[in-house]
Each structure stands twice: as C-alpha cells, then as structure tokens.
Protein backbone atom coordinates (compact mmCIF):
# COMPACT_ATOMS: atom_id res chain seq x y z
CA MET A 1 -16.27 -39.26 57.64
CA GLU A 2 -12.76 -38.77 57.62
CA ALA A 3 -10.89 -36.58 55.25
CA GLY A 4 -8.22 -38.22 52.86
CA PRO A 5 -7.08 -38.58 49.37
CA ARG A 6 -9.55 -39.62 46.75
CA ASP A 7 -9.19 -42.75 44.81
CA THR A 8 -8.87 -41.49 41.19
CA THR A 9 -8.14 -44.83 39.75
CA HIS A 10 -11.71 -45.78 39.23
CA SER A 11 -13.14 -42.45 37.96
CA ARG A 12 -11.04 -41.04 35.25
CA PRO A 13 -12.13 -37.66 33.59
CA GLU A 14 -12.96 -37.65 29.74
CA PRO A 15 -9.80 -36.59 27.81
CA LEU A 16 -10.06 -33.22 26.00
CA THR A 17 -9.09 -32.32 22.46
CA ALA A 18 -9.00 -28.92 20.66
CA ASP A 19 -12.62 -29.44 19.84
CA GLY A 20 -13.74 -30.78 23.13
CA PRO A 21 -13.84 -34.32 24.55
CA ALA A 22 -12.06 -36.82 22.73
CA GLN A 23 -14.34 -39.30 20.62
CA ASP A 24 -11.90 -41.84 19.58
CA GLU A 25 -9.96 -44.46 21.60
CA GLY A 26 -7.01 -42.42 22.44
CA ASP A 27 -6.31 -40.72 25.64
CA GLY A 28 -6.47 -37.60 23.82
CA LEU A 29 -2.79 -36.53 24.58
CA GLU A 30 -1.30 -37.28 21.14
CA PRO A 31 -1.00 -34.17 18.96
CA PRO A 32 -3.60 -33.51 15.99
CA ALA A 33 -2.79 -34.85 12.67
CA GLU A 34 -2.34 -31.14 11.37
CA PRO A 35 -1.75 -28.22 13.23
CA PRO A 36 -4.74 -25.61 13.51
CA GLN A 37 -4.85 -22.84 11.31
CA GLU A 38 -3.77 -19.44 12.87
CA VAL A 39 -5.97 -16.55 11.89
CA GLU A 40 -4.01 -13.10 12.13
CA VAL A 41 -6.61 -10.22 12.68
CA GLU A 42 -5.13 -6.53 12.42
CA LEU A 43 -6.43 -4.65 15.30
CA ARG A 44 -5.49 -1.13 14.10
CA PRO A 45 -7.53 0.29 11.27
CA GLN A 46 -5.96 0.47 8.01
CA ARG A 47 -4.46 3.73 7.17
CA ARG A 48 -6.08 5.24 3.68
CA LEU A 49 -6.15 8.22 1.88
CA ARG A 50 -9.42 10.04 2.84
CA LEU A 51 -11.66 11.95 0.46
CA TRP A 52 -10.58 15.23 1.89
CA GLN A 53 -6.87 14.39 0.98
CA LEU A 54 -7.61 12.98 -2.45
CA ALA A 55 -10.06 15.71 -3.78
CA PRO A 56 -7.56 18.40 -4.25
CA ILE A 57 -5.01 16.31 -5.53
CA VAL A 58 -7.03 14.73 -8.38
CA GLY A 59 -8.50 18.38 -8.94
CA LEU A 60 -5.10 19.66 -9.54
CA ALA A 61 -3.92 16.88 -11.38
CA ALA A 62 -7.00 17.14 -13.82
CA THR A 63 -6.42 20.97 -14.33
CA GLY A 64 -3.00 20.84 -14.79
CA SER A 65 -3.20 17.82 -17.47
CA LEU A 66 -5.87 19.67 -19.32
CA MET A 67 -3.78 23.07 -19.34
CA PHE A 68 -0.98 20.83 -20.64
CA ALA A 69 -2.79 18.91 -23.14
CA PHE A 70 -5.11 21.65 -24.85
CA PRO A 71 -2.37 23.94 -25.96
CA LEU A 72 -0.30 20.87 -27.08
CA ALA A 73 -3.13 19.20 -28.97
CA PHE A 74 -4.50 22.57 -30.53
CA GLY A 75 -1.65 24.75 -30.80
CA THR A 76 -3.28 28.14 -29.48
CA GLY A 77 -0.45 30.34 -30.78
CA ASP A 78 2.32 32.25 -28.83
CA GLY A 79 0.79 31.65 -25.47
CA GLY A 80 0.36 28.08 -25.83
CA ALA A 81 3.90 27.14 -24.61
CA VAL A 82 3.69 29.16 -21.51
CA ILE A 83 0.04 27.52 -20.78
CA ALA A 84 1.63 24.20 -21.33
CA MET A 85 4.58 24.59 -19.15
CA LEU A 86 2.23 25.93 -16.29
CA GLY A 87 -0.14 22.98 -16.78
CA LEU A 88 2.87 20.57 -16.80
CA LEU A 89 4.25 22.49 -13.48
CA ILE A 90 0.68 22.19 -11.86
CA SER A 91 0.44 18.41 -12.82
CA PHE A 92 4.01 17.65 -11.15
CA CYS A 93 2.97 19.50 -8.03
CA ALA A 94 -0.38 17.48 -7.84
CA ALA A 95 1.97 14.21 -8.28
CA GLY A 96 4.35 15.34 -5.54
CA TRP A 97 1.62 16.18 -3.42
CA GLY A 98 -0.33 12.92 -3.78
CA MET A 99 3.07 11.20 -3.42
CA MET A 100 3.68 12.89 -0.06
CA ALA A 101 0.18 12.17 1.09
CA ALA A 102 0.57 8.52 0.27
CA ARG A 103 3.87 8.22 2.09
CA ARG A 104 2.34 9.98 5.23
CA VAL A 105 -0.29 6.95 5.28
CA GLY A 106 2.40 4.07 4.73
CA HIS A 107 2.39 3.52 1.06
CA THR A 108 5.42 3.11 -0.80
CA TRP A 109 6.49 2.82 -4.70
CA PRO A 110 6.57 -0.72 -5.97
CA GLY A 111 10.18 -2.31 -5.23
CA LEU A 112 10.93 0.16 -2.65
CA PRO A 113 11.33 -0.77 1.17
CA VAL A 114 8.44 0.33 3.67
CA ARG A 115 9.52 3.84 5.51
CA GLY A 116 11.20 2.84 8.87
CA SER A 117 11.87 -0.67 7.95
CA GLY A 118 15.67 0.08 7.71
CA GLY A 119 15.61 -1.76 4.33
CA ARG A 120 17.79 -0.15 1.61
CA PRO A 121 15.99 0.27 -1.83
CA ASP A 122 17.48 -1.73 -4.76
CA TRP A 123 19.54 0.55 -6.88
CA ARG A 124 18.17 -1.20 -10.41
CA VAL A 125 14.56 0.02 -9.10
CA VAL A 126 15.90 3.70 -8.12
CA LEU A 127 17.58 3.91 -11.67
CA ALA A 128 14.37 2.60 -13.41
CA TYR A 129 12.15 5.18 -11.90
CA ALA A 130 14.80 7.88 -12.56
CA VAL A 131 14.98 7.11 -16.25
CA VAL A 132 11.04 6.92 -16.61
CA VAL A 133 11.10 10.38 -14.97
CA ALA A 134 13.76 11.79 -17.07
CA ALA A 135 12.29 10.57 -20.04
CA LEU A 136 8.90 12.09 -19.20
CA VAL A 137 10.50 15.38 -18.64
CA VAL A 138 12.40 15.39 -21.81
CA LEU A 139 9.55 14.43 -23.96
CA ALA A 140 7.44 17.15 -22.49
CA VAL A 141 9.99 20.00 -22.65
CA TRP A 142 10.69 18.90 -26.37
CA ARG A 143 7.00 18.82 -27.27
CA VAL A 144 6.41 22.42 -25.67
CA ASP A 145 9.75 23.60 -27.42
CA ARG A 146 8.05 22.47 -30.71
CA LEU A 147 5.20 24.73 -30.28
CA ARG A 148 7.38 27.77 -30.77
C-alpha cells in the first residue's frame, strides 16, 4: 500500500449549521436568515445594600421622623420645637447616611450619571433636586417656627 493523497471528490462530509448538520439542500455555508440571539450574563454578583447596612439607616430615619412628627402634630409645649428640630436633624442624617451607603454600592439618583462614568450631570436635574430640598427645608423650619 502506498501513501498518497486521499480522493475527497467522492466522499464529501455533511455540512454543518449552527444547530448541527444541515437538513436542507444547501451546502450549509449561507448565513442564517436571522442572527442568533446573544445572551449577556453578568459574572460579577450584583452589588446590593445588605441588611446590616439598611437596619441602622431605617431605624434612625423612623426615630427622627417620629421625633419630628409628634411635636408638630400634638404641640407639646415649649420643648416641642427643640424636639422637632432634633428629629429633623436625625432624619436628615439618616437620609445622608443612606445616600452614602447607596453610592458605595453603585446606585445613583435618577437623572444623574453613574459614578466613574465621566459623564456630567444635567444642570436641570441638579436644579430640580436643589429646589425640592430647599422647599422641604423651608417648610420644615417654617412649621417648627410656628410652634413657638
């Protein structure tokens, strides 16, 4: 027996498609009618706020809002304004703590770019947030001032 090239004209392998061997009459080399759907899978776990991060924030916010709401609702005398302002301060501290914890895990405010993306925030969104915060502060101070 002598070694030589094989004759491939008679035995042609079955053409392959994306799903396996071709079933129809083509040679299997033409592109599929529609491209295959790509599925993106995130390999890293999602960054979430854990219970040990949320519990003190929610506890402080609840305590501060109750301290702020009860003197305003029931008018407990001269100390009511002081207690209400202390409750407002605790509520704002809890809100700030919550925002910083959310920022550390990658969350942002709606309308603002993701941290580290290099995008600049839209001035209209920043102005809207500033107006809402200023209005809440003015209303809170005005209400506490009316307790006196």
